[in-house]
Protein backbone atom coordinates (compact mmCIF):
# COMPACT_ATOMS: atom_id res chain seq x y z
CA UNK A 1 0.01 0.15 0.06
CA UNK A 2 2.92 2.52 1.10
CA UNK A 3 4.47 1.78 -2.62
CA UNK A 4 1.06 2.54 -4.26
CA UNK A 5 0.65 5.66 -2.05
CA UNK A 6 3.88 7.24 -2.85
CA UNK A 7 3.82 6.07 -6.85
CA UNK A 8 0.23 7.85 -6.80
CA UNK A 9 1.63 10.93 -5.71
CA UNK A 10 4.61 10.80 -8.08
CA UNK A 11 2.07 11.27 -11.11
CA UNK A 12 1.25 14.81 -9.69
CA UNK A 13 4.46 16.34 -10.99
CA UNK A 14 3.57 15.11 -14.81
CA UNK A 15 -0.11 15.75 -14.06
CA UNK A 16 0.59 19.35 -12.79
CA UNK A 17 3.15 20.24 -15.34
CA UNK A 18 0.41 19.60 -18.08
CA UNK A 19 -2.38 21.36 -16.22
CA UNK A 20 -0.37 24.48 -15.99
CA UNK A 21 -0.61 24.97 -19.84
CA UNK A 22 -4.33 26.14 -19.15
CA UNK A 23 -4.49 27.31 -15.44
CA UNK A 24 -2.61 29.55 -13.06
CA UNK A 25 -0.57 28.19 -10.30
CA UNK A 26 -2.74 28.96 -7.30
CA UNK A 27 -5.92 28.34 -9.37
CA UNK A 28 -4.85 25.01 -10.08
CA UNK A 29 -3.93 24.23 -6.41
CA UNK A 30 -6.96 25.70 -5.17
CA UNK A 31 -9.43 23.61 -7.43
CA UNK A 32 -7.25 20.50 -6.93
CA UNK A 33 -7.28 20.54 -2.97
CA UNK A 34 -10.83 21.82 -2.63
CA UNK A 35 -12.09 19.10 -4.95
CA UNK A 36 -10.08 16.48 -2.95
CA UNK A 37 -11.58 17.88 0.23
CA UNK A 38 -15.09 17.59 -1.18
CA UNK A 39 -14.11 14.08 -2.42
CA UNK A 40 -13.12 13.20 1.19
CA UNK A 41 -15.68 14.92 3.08
CA UNK A 42 -18.45 12.11 3.02
CA UNK A 43 -16.00 9.67 4.61
CA UNK A 44 -14.64 11.86 7.11
CA UNK A 45 -17.95 13.75 8.38
CA UNK A 46 -18.09 11.82 11.60
CA UNK A 47 -14.52 12.69 12.37
CA UNK A 48 -14.84 16.42 11.31
CA UNK A 49 -17.98 17.15 12.94
CA UNK A 50 -16.29 16.45 16.48
CA UNK A 51 -13.28 18.55 15.84
CA UNK A 52 -11.86 20.58 18.64
CA UNK A 53 -10.58 24.13 18.16
CA UNK A 54 -6.85 22.89 18.75
CA UNK A 55 -7.10 20.19 16.25
CA UNK A 56 -8.54 22.66 13.77
CA UNK A 57 -5.53 24.95 14.52
CA UNK A 58 -2.98 22.16 14.00
CA UNK A 59 -4.84 21.53 10.52
CA UNK A 60 -4.52 24.92 9.61
CA UNK A 61 -0.83 24.97 10.69
CA UNK A 62 0.05 21.79 8.62
CA UNK A 63 -2.19 23.29 5.67
CA UNK A 64 -0.05 26.46 5.93
CA UNK A 65 3.18 24.32 5.87
CA UNK A 66 2.15 22.03 2.90
CA UNK A 67 0.78 24.92 0.88
CA UNK A 68 4.12 26.58 0.85
CA UNK A 69 5.75 23.07 -0.27
CA UNK A 70 3.11 23.13 -3.15
CA UNK A 71 3.29 26.53 -4.19
CA UNK A 72 7.12 26.39 -4.50
CA UNK A 73 7.01 22.88 -6.19
CA UNK A 74 4.18 24.10 -8.78
CA UNK A 75 5.90 27.39 -9.44
CA UNK A 76 9.07 25.33 -10.25
CA UNK A 77 7.28 23.03 -12.69
CA UNK A 78 6.66 26.13 -14.94
CA UNK A 79 10.00 26.21 -16.17
CA UNK A 80 11.69 23.04 -15.15
CA UNK A 81 11.59 19.38 -15.90
CA UNK A 82 8.91 17.23 -13.88
CA UNK A 83 11.75 14.79 -13.13
CA UNK A 84 14.36 17.53 -12.19
CA UNK A 85 11.71 19.05 -9.82
CA UNK A 86 10.81 15.67 -8.38
CA UNK A 87 14.66 14.75 -7.44
CA UNK A 88 15.34 18.25 -6.19
CA UNK A 89 12.39 18.31 -3.96
CA UNK A 90 12.84 14.88 -2.63
CA UNK A 91 16.52 16.00 -1.19
CA UNK A 92 14.33 16.82 1.83
CA UNK A 93 14.82 13.15 2.94
CA UNK A 94 18.57 14.07 3.42
CA UNK A 95 17.67 17.61 4.92
CA UNK A 96 15.40 16.05 7.63
CA UNK A 97 18.17 14.46 9.86
CA UNK A 98 20.29 17.60 9.30
CA UNK A 99 17.54 19.92 10.71
CA UNK A 100 16.85 17.43 13.52
CA UNK A 101 20.25 17.37 14.62
CA UNK A 102 20.20 21.29 14.48
CA UNK A 103 16.99 21.48 16.43
CA UNK A 104 18.36 19.00 19.23
CA UNK A 105 21.86 21.21 19.01
CA UNK A 106 23.55 17.91 18.04
CA UNK A 107 26.53 17.62 15.33
CA UNK A 108 25.09 15.40 12.59
CA UNK A 109 26.58 11.82 12.49
CA UNK A 110 29.11 11.10 9.93
CA UNK A 111 27.06 8.76 7.97
CA UNK A 112 24.52 11.38 7.57
CA UNK A 113 26.88 14.02 6.55
CA UNK A 114 28.14 11.62 3.83
CA UNK A 115 24.66 10.96 2.44
CA UNK A 116 23.95 14.59 2.35
CA UNK A 117 27.47 14.87 0.07
CA UNK A 118 26.17 12.26 -2.06
CA UNK A 119 22.93 13.67 -2.68
CA UNK A 120 24.60 17.06 -3.04
CA UNK A 121 26.91 16.11 -5.75
CA UNK A 122 23.98 14.43 -7.41
CA UNK A 123 22.19 17.73 -7.47
CA UNK A 124 25.22 19.35 -8.73
CA UNK A 125 25.19 17.16 -11.77
CA UNK A 126 21.48 17.20 -12.40
CA UNK A 127 21.79 21.07 -12.79
CA UNK A 128 24.85 20.94 -14.99
CA UNK A 129 24.18 23.31 -17.94
CA UNK A 130 26.91 23.36 -20.60
CA UNK A 131 29.47 21.75 -18.53
CA UNK A 132 28.84 24.37 -16.09
CA UNK A 133 27.25 24.15 -12.66
CA UNK A 134 24.23 26.56 -12.71
CA UNK A 135 21.05 26.83 -10.93
CA UNK A 136 17.89 28.27 -12.72
CA UNK A 137 14.89 29.95 -11.02
CA UNK A 138 12.97 26.99 -11.35
CA UNK A 139 15.53 24.72 -9.79
CA UNK A 140 16.05 27.14 -6.98
CA UNK A 141 12.20 26.83 -6.27
CA UNK A 142 12.57 23.18 -6.36
CA UNK A 143 15.28 23.12 -3.43
CA UNK A 144 13.20 25.65 -1.67
CA UNK A 145 10.22 23.26 -1.93
CA UNK A 146 12.92 20.60 -0.39
CA UNK A 147 13.51 22.99 2.61
CA UNK A 148 9.59 23.62 3.33
CA UNK A 149 9.20 19.90 2.55
CA UNK A 150 11.66 18.85 5.33
CA UNK A 151 10.19 21.35 7.82
CA UNK A 152 6.73 20.06 6.87
CA UNK A 153 7.50 16.41 7.69
CA UNK A 154 9.37 17.53 10.98
CA UNK A 155 6.28 19.35 11.84
CA UNK A 156 3.82 16.56 10.95
CA UNK A 157 6.06 14.44 13.14
CA UNK A 158 5.47 16.63 15.96
CA UNK A 159 1.84 17.47 15.57
CA UNK A 160 0.47 13.92 14.68
CA UNK A 161 1.54 12.45 17.88
CA UNK A 162 -0.93 14.90 19.75
CA UNK A 163 -4.09 14.21 17.31
CA UNK A 164 -5.68 11.66 14.86
CA UNK A 165 -3.34 11.83 11.87
CA UNK A 166 -6.27 10.90 9.35
CA UNK A 167 -8.40 13.98 10.83
CA UNK A 168 -5.45 16.33 10.60
CA UNK A 169 -4.56 15.02 7.05
CA UNK A 170 -8.18 15.71 6.05
CA UNK A 171 -8.28 19.17 7.35
CA UNK A 172 -4.71 19.83 6.05
CA UNK A 173 -5.80 19.16 2.48
CA UNK A 174 -9.12 21.66 3.00
CA UNK A 175 -6.81 24.38 4.15
CA UNK A 176 -4.27 24.03 1.51
CA UNK A 177 -7.46 24.63 -0.95
CA UNK A 178 -8.39 27.70 1.08
CA UNK A 179 -4.74 29.17 1.04
CA UNK A 180 -4.34 28.41 -2.39
CA UNK A 181 -7.74 30.15 -3.61
CA UNK A 182 -6.82 33.17 -1.54
CA UNK A 183 -3.51 33.38 -3.09
CA UNK A 184 -5.14 33.18 -6.83
CA UNK A 185 -7.35 36.06 -5.69
CA UNK A 186 -4.11 38.03 -4.76
CA UNK A 187 -1.80 37.16 -7.33
CA UNK A 188 -3.58 36.00 -10.35
CA UNK A 189 -7.18 36.03 -12.06
CA UNK A 190 -8.87 32.97 -10.40
CA UNK A 191 -10.06 30.45 -12.87
CA UNK A 192 -12.08 27.06 -13.07
CA UNK A 193 -11.21 24.44 -15.51
CA UNK A 194 -13.24 25.03 -18.76
CA UNK A 195 -12.54 21.80 -20.98
CA UNK A 196 -13.05 17.99 -20.20
CA UNK A 197 -9.31 17.59 -20.25
CA UNK A 198 -8.77 20.09 -17.75
CA UNK A 199 -11.38 18.74 -15.48
CA UNK A 200 -9.61 15.23 -16.07
CA UNK A 201 -6.34 16.74 -14.83
CA UNK A 202 -7.86 18.20 -11.68
CA UNK A 203 -9.99 15.20 -10.89
CA UNK A 204 -6.85 13.05 -11.44
CA UNK A 205 -4.79 15.35 -9.02
CA UNK A 206 -7.59 15.64 -6.46
CA UNK A 207 -8.68 11.80 -6.11
CA UNK A 208 -5.36 9.95 -6.91
CA UNK A 209 -2.62 12.14 -5.79
CA UNK A 210 -4.17 14.17 -2.92
CA UNK A 211 -7.03 12.08 -1.77
CA UNK A 212 -5.70 8.57 -2.28
CA UNK A 213 -1.84 9.85 -1.90
CA UNK A 214 -2.23 12.33 1.16
CA UNK A 215 -4.71 10.84 3.10
CA UNK A 216 -3.72 7.01 3.17
CA UNK A 217 -0.24 7.60 3.85
CA UNK A 218 -0.61 7.55 7.70
CA UNK A 219 -2.52 4.23 7.38
CA UNK A 220 0.03 2.74 5.10
CA UNK A 221 2.80 3.63 7.47
CA UNK A 222 0.90 2.11 10.32
CA UNK A 223 2.34 -1.32 9.44
CA UNK A 224 5.68 -0.31 9.12
CA UNK A 225 8.56 1.90 10.65
CA UNK A 226 9.25 5.10 9.55
CA UNK A 227 12.89 4.12 8.52
CA UNK A 228 11.59 1.48 6.15
CA UNK A 229 8.98 4.16 4.96
CA UNK A 230 11.51 6.54 4.24
CA UNK A 231 13.14 4.04 1.80
CA UNK A 232 10.41 3.95 -0.22
CA UNK A 233 10.17 7.78 -0.87
CA UNK A 234 12.99 7.11 -3.28
CA UNK A 235 9.95 5.61 -5.59
CA UNK A 236 8.60 9.14 -6.01
CA UNK A 237 11.16 11.17 -8.07
CA UNK A 238 12.21 7.78 -9.87
CA UNK A 239 8.15 7.36 -10.92
CA UNK A 240 8.23 11.04 -11.84
CA UNK A 241 11.26 10.64 -13.96
CA UNK A 242 9.76 7.68 -15.73
CA UNK A 243 6.29 9.15 -16.34
CA UNK A 244 8.13 12.61 -17.64
CA UNK A 245 9.91 10.43 -20.12
CA UNK A 246 6.98 8.60 -21.21
CA UNK A 247 4.38 11.66 -21.47
CA UNK A 248 6.57 14.92 -21.76
CA UNK A 249 9.47 13.44 -23.53
CA UNK A 250 12.17 14.74 -20.89
CA UNK A 251 15.43 13.78 -21.41
CA UNK A 252 17.79 13.85 -18.35
CA UNK A 253 21.11 13.23 -20.36
CA UNK A 254 24.41 11.36 -19.04
CA UNK A 255 24.91 14.19 -16.29
CA UNK A 256 21.37 14.07 -15.71
CA UNK A 257 20.99 10.52 -15.26
CA UNK A 258 24.09 10.19 -13.11
CA UNK A 259 22.93 13.14 -10.76
CA UNK A 260 19.57 11.21 -10.33
CA UNK A 261 21.35 8.10 -9.32
CA UNK A 262 23.53 9.96 -6.87
CA UNK A 263 20.44 11.44 -5.24
CA UNK A 264 18.64 8.20 -5.10
CA UNK A 265 21.80 6.86 -3.38
CA UNK A 266 21.91 9.36 -0.72
CA UNK A 267 18.11 8.94 -0.11
CA UNK A 268 18.32 5.34 0.42
CA UNK A 269 21.59 5.24 2.40
CA UNK A 270 20.50 7.78 5.06
CA UNK A 271 17.35 5.80 5.41
CA UNK A 272 19.44 2.45 5.58
CA UNK A 273 21.46 3.90 8.31
CA UNK A 274 18.78 4.94 10.36
CA UNK A 275 17.22 1.30 9.89
CA UNK A 276 20.39 -0.08 10.79
CA UNK A 277 21.02 1.81 13.84
CA UNK A 278 17.62 1.13 15.10
CA UNK A 279 17.69 -2.58 14.63
CA UNK A 280 21.20 -2.57 16.22
CA UNK A 281 19.82 -0.81 19.22
CA UNK A 282 16.67 -3.03 19.26
CA UNK A 283 18.91 -6.42 19.22
CA UNK A 284 21.01 -4.77 22.00
CA UNK A 285 17.83 -4.32 24.17
CA UNK A 286 16.72 -7.81 23.52
CA UNK A 287 19.88 -9.24 24.26
CA UNK A 288 20.43 -7.33 27.51
CA UNK A 289 17.03 -8.48 28.34
CA UNK A 290 17.79 -12.18 27.92
CA UNK A 291 20.98 -11.86 29.96
CA UNK A 292 18.97 -10.48 32.85
CA UNK A 293 16.51 -13.17 32.24
CA UNK A 294 19.07 -15.86 32.37
């Protein structure tokens, strides 16, 4: 289920890039997330009818955090390949342990630093242009989305422990739609889809990417550890790269392919390290308990 959830969300990069041909950034986001919320509402009515003010506030906060992620991501997709945006944004997986170390005022462990350096090398190769390292405005926005995404992951980890994660996820989707529509009225002329193909894109984004992808991830993760779940996140940019190549004819080139492989290596290695350390700790606890029992 977790693999399917993440692959479903990876389709959003390609679908959004296609949708941007006819709609503005915030109009697209607003219609997408409000449609997703309306789709989820019948299934969540009982939960939402008894929501406390504190839970509502937490949903607003999570919605604001992920709205920042999506605003940077979709703005990036205007000028950057879907596959490049996906790989750069998902470097958030490397940023999370670095940010956590900073929050706890600890120096990151050497394997974490090595994973970050591997991914950074991948970013450099992925953004090579004419043999020179160069970051375009779209690529800068992708990296900004990665920073926002890492902060959102940490915020979700803190908040979801204090409330029902499924209720928070549904509220988050609703508030993302509200914030997006407000931004649409401020920064662009709001518009609704006018053709069947536009509605097709919106419904795919709303139901498959948001309704299925966002909402079912807490349920999918409940059967595994966060470290194992982190390994599956590598599927998102990989899926986006394959779909971008098929539907948008995006080509990465030799440097781009090398860069994406290094980013994937950094993403997988940092989670493998966390998984190994956790299982080693668990083994030592079981071993000590066995000695005490003996």
